[in-house]
Protein backbone atom coordinates (compact mmCIF):
# COMPACT_ATOMS: atom_id res chain seq x y z
CA MET A 1 0.09 0.08 0.08
CA GLU A 2 2.93 2.18 0.85
CA ALA A 3 4.87 1.44 -2.49
CA GLY A 4 1.78 2.10 -4.31
CA THR A 5 0.85 5.64 -2.69
CA ARG A 6 4.25 6.64 -3.26
CA SER A 7 4.63 5.62 -7.31
CA GLU A 8 1.16 7.46 -7.57
CA ALA A 9 2.42 10.35 -5.50
CA ARG A 10 5.79 10.24 -8.05
CA SER A 11 3.52 9.95 -10.91
CA LYS A 12 1.66 13.10 -10.39
CA THR A 13 4.96 14.76 -9.68
CA GLN A 14 6.38 14.26 -12.54
CA SER A 15 2.87 15.02 -14.88
CA ALA A 16 2.72 18.01 -13.30
CA THR A 17 6.66 18.71 -13.35
CA GLU A 18 6.00 18.06 -17.21
CA SER A 19 3.12 20.07 -17.92
CA LYS A 20 4.33 23.24 -16.27
CA PRO A 21 4.87 25.98 -18.93
CA ASP A 22 8.14 27.81 -19.03
CA PRO A 23 7.74 31.02 -17.42
CA LYS A 24 10.09 33.32 -19.43
CA ASP A 25 7.44 32.03 -22.62
CA LYS A 26 4.38 34.39 -21.30
CA PRO A 27 6.17 37.84 -21.14
CA GLU A 28 7.94 37.19 -24.85
CA SER A 29 4.41 36.43 -26.45
CA LYS A 30 2.96 39.42 -24.82
CA THR A 31 5.91 41.73 -25.59
CA GLU A 32 5.56 40.92 -29.32
CA SER A 33 1.88 41.55 -29.25
CA ILE A 34 2.38 44.70 -27.84
CA THR A 35 5.01 45.84 -30.15
CA SER A 36 3.22 44.71 -33.11
CA ASP A 37 0.21 46.74 -32.05
CA LEU A 38 2.20 49.74 -31.45
CA GLU A 39 3.41 49.37 -34.94
CA ASP A 40 0.18 48.83 -36.47
CA THR A 41 -1.23 52.05 -34.53
CA HIS A 42 1.90 54.19 -35.48
CA ILE A 43 1.29 53.19 -39.14
CA GLN A 44 -2.39 53.69 -39.22
CA GLY A 45 -1.47 57.16 -37.63
CA GLU A 46 0.79 58.05 -40.33
CA LEU A 47 -0.89 56.93 -43.31
CA ALA A 48 -4.22 58.86 -41.94
CA GLU A 49 -1.92 62.18 -41.80
CA HIS A 50 -0.30 61.70 -45.27
CA LEU A 51 -4.11 61.09 -46.80
CA LYS A 52 -5.27 64.84 -45.49
CA LEU A 53 -2.34 65.75 -47.93
CA VAL A 54 -3.63 64.20 -51.19
CA GLU A 55 -6.74 64.73 -52.60
CA LEU A 56 -8.49 61.42 -53.19
CA GLY A 57 -10.19 61.96 -56.49
CA GLN A 58 -7.13 63.59 -58.22
CA ALA A 59 -5.50 60.62 -59.53
CA LYS A 60 -8.89 59.51 -61.53
CA GLU A 61 -8.91 59.98 -65.25
CA ASN A 62 -11.38 62.29 -66.65
CA PRO A 63 -13.12 60.33 -69.63
CA SER A 64 -14.29 63.30 -71.35
CA VAL A 65 -10.69 64.65 -72.20
CA ASN A 66 -9.67 63.46 -75.41
CA PRO A 67 -5.94 62.49 -75.63
CA LEU A 68 -5.49 63.52 -79.03
CA ILE A 69 -6.66 67.03 -78.35
CA GLU A 70 -4.12 67.27 -75.64
CA GLN A 71 -1.15 66.24 -78.11
CA MET A 72 -2.30 68.81 -80.40
CA LYS A 73 -2.38 71.30 -77.62
CA THR A 74 1.54 71.14 -76.50
CA THR A 75 2.58 70.19 -80.63
CA PRO A 76 5.23 72.54 -81.46
CA LEU A 77 3.99 72.89 -85.18
CA PHE A 78 1.25 72.69 -87.08
CA SER A 79 0.06 73.21 -90.37
CA SER A 80 -2.92 75.51 -91.84
CA GLN A 81 -4.63 72.61 -92.83
CA ILE A 82 -5.13 71.61 -89.49
CA LYS A 83 -6.68 74.90 -88.94
CA GLY A 84 -9.44 74.03 -91.44
CA VAL A 85 -10.36 70.92 -90.06
CA VAL A 86 -10.53 71.63 -86.18
CA HIS A 87 -13.85 72.36 -86.59
CA SER A 88 -15.00 69.55 -88.37
CA ALA A 89 -13.10 67.10 -86.60
CA PHE A 90 -13.63 68.06 -82.79
CA PRO A 91 -17.07 69.46 -82.58
CA GLY A 92 -18.25 71.25 -79.62
CA ALA A 93 -16.20 73.79 -77.22
CA ASN A 94 -12.72 72.57 -78.69
CA THR A 95 -11.87 75.25 -81.24
CA MET A 96 -8.97 76.52 -82.52
CA ASP A 97 -8.91 79.21 -80.01
CA SER A 98 -8.82 76.76 -77.24
CA LEU A 99 -6.14 74.49 -78.86
CA PHE A 100 -3.90 76.98 -80.04
CA PRO A 101 -4.37 80.41 -78.31
CA GLN A 102 -1.09 81.83 -79.22
CA TYR A 103 0.49 81.04 -82.74
CA GLY A 104 2.45 82.56 -85.51
CA LEU A 105 3.81 82.16 -89.16
CA LEU A 106 6.86 80.26 -89.42
CA GLY A 107 7.41 79.65 -93.42
CA LEU A 108 5.99 77.47 -96.25
CA ARG A 109 6.03 73.58 -96.62
CA LEU A 110 7.61 73.07 -99.89
CA ALA A 111 8.04 69.38 -99.89
CA SER A 112 7.96 66.42 -98.09
CA TYR A 113 10.28 63.29 -98.04
CA THR A 114 9.93 59.69 -96.80
CA PRO A 115 11.67 59.08 -93.73
CA GLY A 116 15.31 57.66 -94.08
CA SER A 117 15.40 58.48 -97.89
CA ASP A 118 15.27 61.59 -100.41
CA GLU A 119 12.40 60.21 -102.20
CA GLU A 120 9.77 63.16 -102.39
CA ILE A 121 6.23 62.29 -101.26
CA ALA A 122 3.83 63.64 -104.07
CA GLY A 123 0.17 65.45 -103.49
CA ILE A 124 1.28 67.34 -100.13
CA GLY A 125 -1.43 69.69 -101.62
CA GLY A 126 -1.09 73.65 -102.37
CA ALA A 127 0.11 76.59 -100.46
CA LYS A 128 -3.03 77.05 -98.37
CA LYS A 129 -3.00 73.58 -96.62
CA ASN A 130 1.19 73.61 -96.19
CA LEU A 131 1.64 76.65 -93.86
CA VAL A 132 3.38 76.12 -91.25
CA TYR A 133 2.91 77.82 -87.89
CA ALA A 134 4.86 77.83 -84.40
CA ASN A 135 2.73 76.82 -81.10
CA ILE A 136 3.95 79.80 -79.01
CA ASN A 137 1.39 78.75 -76.06
CA ALA A 138 3.43 75.65 -75.41
CA PRO A 139 6.94 75.11 -74.40
CA TRP A 140 9.42 73.26 -77.06
CA SER A 141 12.90 73.24 -77.98
CA THR A 142 14.58 73.32 -81.83
CA PHE A 143 17.60 73.10 -83.11
CA ILE A 144 18.29 75.09 -86.32
CA CYS A 145 21.13 74.01 -88.25
CA GLY A 146 22.27 74.68 -92.12
CA SER A 147 25.35 76.00 -94.04
CA GLN A 148 26.33 79.23 -94.04
CA GLY A 149 23.90 82.20 -95.64
CA SER A 150 20.87 79.32 -95.34
CA GLY A 151 18.72 81.47 -93.22
CA LYS A 152 19.24 80.01 -89.89
CA SER A 153 19.35 83.69 -88.58
CA HIS A 154 16.22 84.96 -90.29
CA THR A 155 14.36 81.56 -88.92
CA LEU A 156 15.62 82.80 -85.31
CA SER A 157 14.32 86.25 -86.23
CA CYS A 158 11.08 84.94 -87.22
CA MET A 159 10.51 82.98 -84.18
CA LEU A 160 11.33 85.94 -82.06
CA GLU A 161 9.05 88.07 -83.85
CA ASN A 162 6.16 85.57 -83.35
CA SER A 163 6.83 86.08 -79.64
CA LEU A 164 7.43 89.49 -79.17
CA LEU A 165 5.13 91.51 -81.32
CA LEU A 166 1.64 92.58 -80.76
CA PRO A 167 -0.40 92.82 -82.52
CA SER A 168 1.00 90.49 -84.90
CA GLN A 169 0.66 90.18 -88.35
CA THR A 170 1.51 86.83 -89.05
CA GLY A 171 -0.60 84.84 -86.17
CA LYS A 172 -2.01 85.30 -82.51
CA VAL A 173 -0.48 86.73 -79.90
CA SER A 174 -2.38 87.67 -76.31
CA SER A 175 0.43 88.07 -74.18
CA GLN A 176 3.89 88.82 -75.26
CA LEU A 177 7.15 86.68 -74.03
CA THR A 178 10.49 87.89 -73.12
CA SER A 179 13.61 86.65 -75.02
CA LEU A 180 16.88 85.88 -74.31
CA VAL A 181 19.60 85.70 -77.31
CA LEU A 182 23.33 84.61 -76.58
CA HIS A 183 25.65 85.78 -79.31
CA TYR A 184 28.96 84.22 -79.45
CA ASP A 185 31.31 86.23 -81.01
CA LYS A 186 35.36 86.75 -81.18
CA PHE A 187 35.49 90.43 -80.99
CA THR A 188 39.10 91.67 -81.73
CA SER A 189 38.31 94.81 -83.77
CA LEU A 190 35.09 97.00 -85.40
CA ASP A 191 36.20 95.66 -88.55
CA THR A 192 36.01 91.86 -87.17
CA GLY A 193 33.12 92.05 -85.01
CA GLN A 194 30.00 89.89 -86.10
CA LEU A 195 26.74 91.91 -84.39
CA CYS A 196 24.26 89.67 -83.41
CA GLU A 197 21.41 89.82 -86.09
CA ALA A 198 18.48 89.57 -83.76
CA ALA A 199 19.33 92.93 -82.95
CA TYR A 200 17.33 94.20 -85.77
CA LEU A 201 14.27 93.37 -84.05
CA CYS A 202 14.39 96.77 -83.14
CA SER A 203 13.40 98.12 -86.62
CA ALA A 204 9.78 96.47 -85.74
CA GLY A 205 9.70 98.53 -82.55
CA ILE A 206 10.64 95.86 -80.13
CA PRO A 207 13.35 97.07 -77.05
CA VAL A 208 16.46 95.42 -77.24
CA ARG A 209 18.75 95.43 -75.02
CA VAL A 210 22.67 94.24 -75.64
CA LEU A 211 24.84 93.22 -72.72
CA VAL A 212 28.50 93.58 -73.60
CA SER A 213 32.10 93.28 -71.69
CA PRO A 214 32.90 96.47 -69.80
CA SER A 215 36.15 96.45 -71.39
CA ASN A 216 34.30 96.68 -75.13
CA LEU A 217 31.48 99.24 -74.08
CA ARG A 218 32.75 102.07 -76.15
CA ARG A 219 33.42 99.84 -79.39
CA MET A 220 30.16 97.77 -79.31
CA THR A 221 28.12 100.76 -78.76
CA GLN A 222 29.32 102.47 -81.73
CA LEU A 223 28.78 99.23 -83.75
CA TYR A 224 25.25 98.76 -82.63
CA SER A 225 24.26 102.24 -83.19
CA ASN A 226 24.99 102.24 -86.58
CA LEU A 227 23.46 98.78 -87.97
CA PRO A 228 23.48 99.20 -91.65
CA GLY A 229 20.33 98.87 -93.11
CA LEU A 230 18.06 100.63 -90.36
CA PRO A 231 15.99 103.49 -91.87
CA SER A 232 16.32 106.64 -90.13
CA GLY A 233 14.78 107.55 -86.89
CA CYS A 234 14.21 104.02 -85.98
CA PRO A 235 15.14 102.88 -82.28
CA ARG A 236 18.47 102.01 -81.76
CA PRO A 237 19.44 98.78 -79.53
CA GLU A 238 20.25 99.79 -76.13
CA VAL A 239 24.01 98.75 -75.02
CA GLU A 240 24.89 98.42 -71.41
CA PRO A 241 28.00 96.74 -69.82
CA MET A 242 27.42 92.95 -68.49
CA LEU A 243 27.99 93.19 -65.12
CA PHE A 244 27.76 90.73 -61.98
CA ASN A 245 27.52 90.96 -58.44
CA GLU A 246 30.98 89.83 -56.39
CA ASP A 247 28.56 87.23 -54.15
CA HIS A 248 28.01 85.33 -57.65
CA LEU A 249 31.51 85.25 -58.84
CA SER A 250 34.05 82.59 -58.16
CA ILE A 251 37.24 81.01 -59.39
CA GLY A 252 35.20 78.42 -61.69
CA MET A 253 32.88 81.23 -62.96
CA MET A 254 35.92 83.23 -63.48
CA LYS A 255 38.08 80.73 -65.82
CA SER A 256 34.68 79.69 -67.30
CA LEU A 257 34.08 83.43 -68.62
CA MET A 258 37.91 83.65 -69.54
CA ALA A 259 37.97 80.05 -71.43
CA ILE A 260 40.37 79.18 -69.24
CA SER A 261 40.93 75.32 -69.15
CA ASP A 262 43.28 73.19 -66.17
CA SER A 263 43.99 71.10 -68.98
CA GLU A 264 45.84 73.56 -71.03
CA GLY A 265 47.83 75.10 -68.11
CA THR A 266 47.18 78.28 -66.23
CA PRO A 267 48.10 81.92 -66.98
CA LEU A 268 50.86 83.71 -64.95
CA TYR A 269 48.43 86.67 -64.23
CA MET A 270 45.48 83.91 -63.28
CA GLU A 271 47.80 83.05 -60.24
CA VAL A 272 47.33 86.48 -58.68
CA GLY A 273 43.60 85.95 -58.88
CA TYR A 274 43.55 82.70 -57.01
CA HIS A 275 45.53 83.61 -53.99
CA SER A 276 43.38 87.28 -53.67
CA PRO A 277 40.46 87.07 -55.98
CA GLU A 278 37.94 89.57 -54.05
CA PRO A 279 40.38 92.58 -54.91
CA TRP A 280 40.44 91.27 -58.44
CA VAL A 281 37.07 90.42 -58.97
CA ARG A 282 36.31 94.23 -57.35
CA ASP A 283 38.52 95.86 -59.36
CA THR A 284 37.37 94.14 -62.94
CA CYS A 285 33.69 94.56 -62.06
C-alpha cells in the first residue's frame, strides 16, 4: 500500500512538472503582441495624416478629355490644314482658340520626304494647306542647323517676332513673351566683330538691350548704334555693360568666362586671382 501510494504520488509529481510551462514564454508573447499593436497604430496614424495631404479624386482620369486634343495643344508646329479641319474633326467647345491660343507663321512647306530616304512625297497639296505655324503657347525646343547663308538667323528672327510682336500680323499673340539671345563672337576690332542679327528686331518697335563686356563697351556701342540697313529715325538697341555681383563670382565662374581650362595650364596673371580673388573681382567689375 505504501509503495503504491508513493508511486502514484511520484507520477503525479512528474506529470505536474512536465506540464508546467516555462515562465519565460509568457512575457515574450505579450511583448511581441504589444510591440505589434504599437507598430500598427503608428502606421495607421501616419497613413491617416498623409491621406489628408492628398486629394483622393485627383488621380482619377477624366473620360471627357480627348488624348489627341491634349497632344495637339502641346505640338510645336502645325500646318494651315489643321486649322481648317479643327472645327469639323472636334465639334463642340474645342475650337481653334482653345487648341492654339497663341501662334505665329513660321514658313511654307514646299515638299515632304519619306523618312530615311530622299524620295519626295507627292500630293501634299497647295500652299493654302502647307503654311507652317509655331505654337507659342506651349514650351518646346528646336535645333536650327544649316550651311552659312541658309537662313538660320532669319528663322530665329521669325520665331522671336512671333513671340514678341503685339499686335501680330503673322498670327495671334495675346501676351508678349521675353526673349534671351546668347550671341558668341570673337570680337577683336570694329572691322572683325559680328553683330547679332536679332538686334534688328528694334526696327519693328521691339525694345532691344545688348549686354557686352565693360572693356568693349565703347566700341560695341558704336557698332550697334550704326546698324547697317536701319531706316532713319528707327530706334536703336541699348548697349549696356554686363556686370556681376561679387557674391555670384567664384574662381570656377571666372575661369569659364575667360575660357581658361585646367588641362591647358594656368596663365601667370591668373595666379594672382587665385590667391586674392576679392580685390581682383572688385577691380574688374
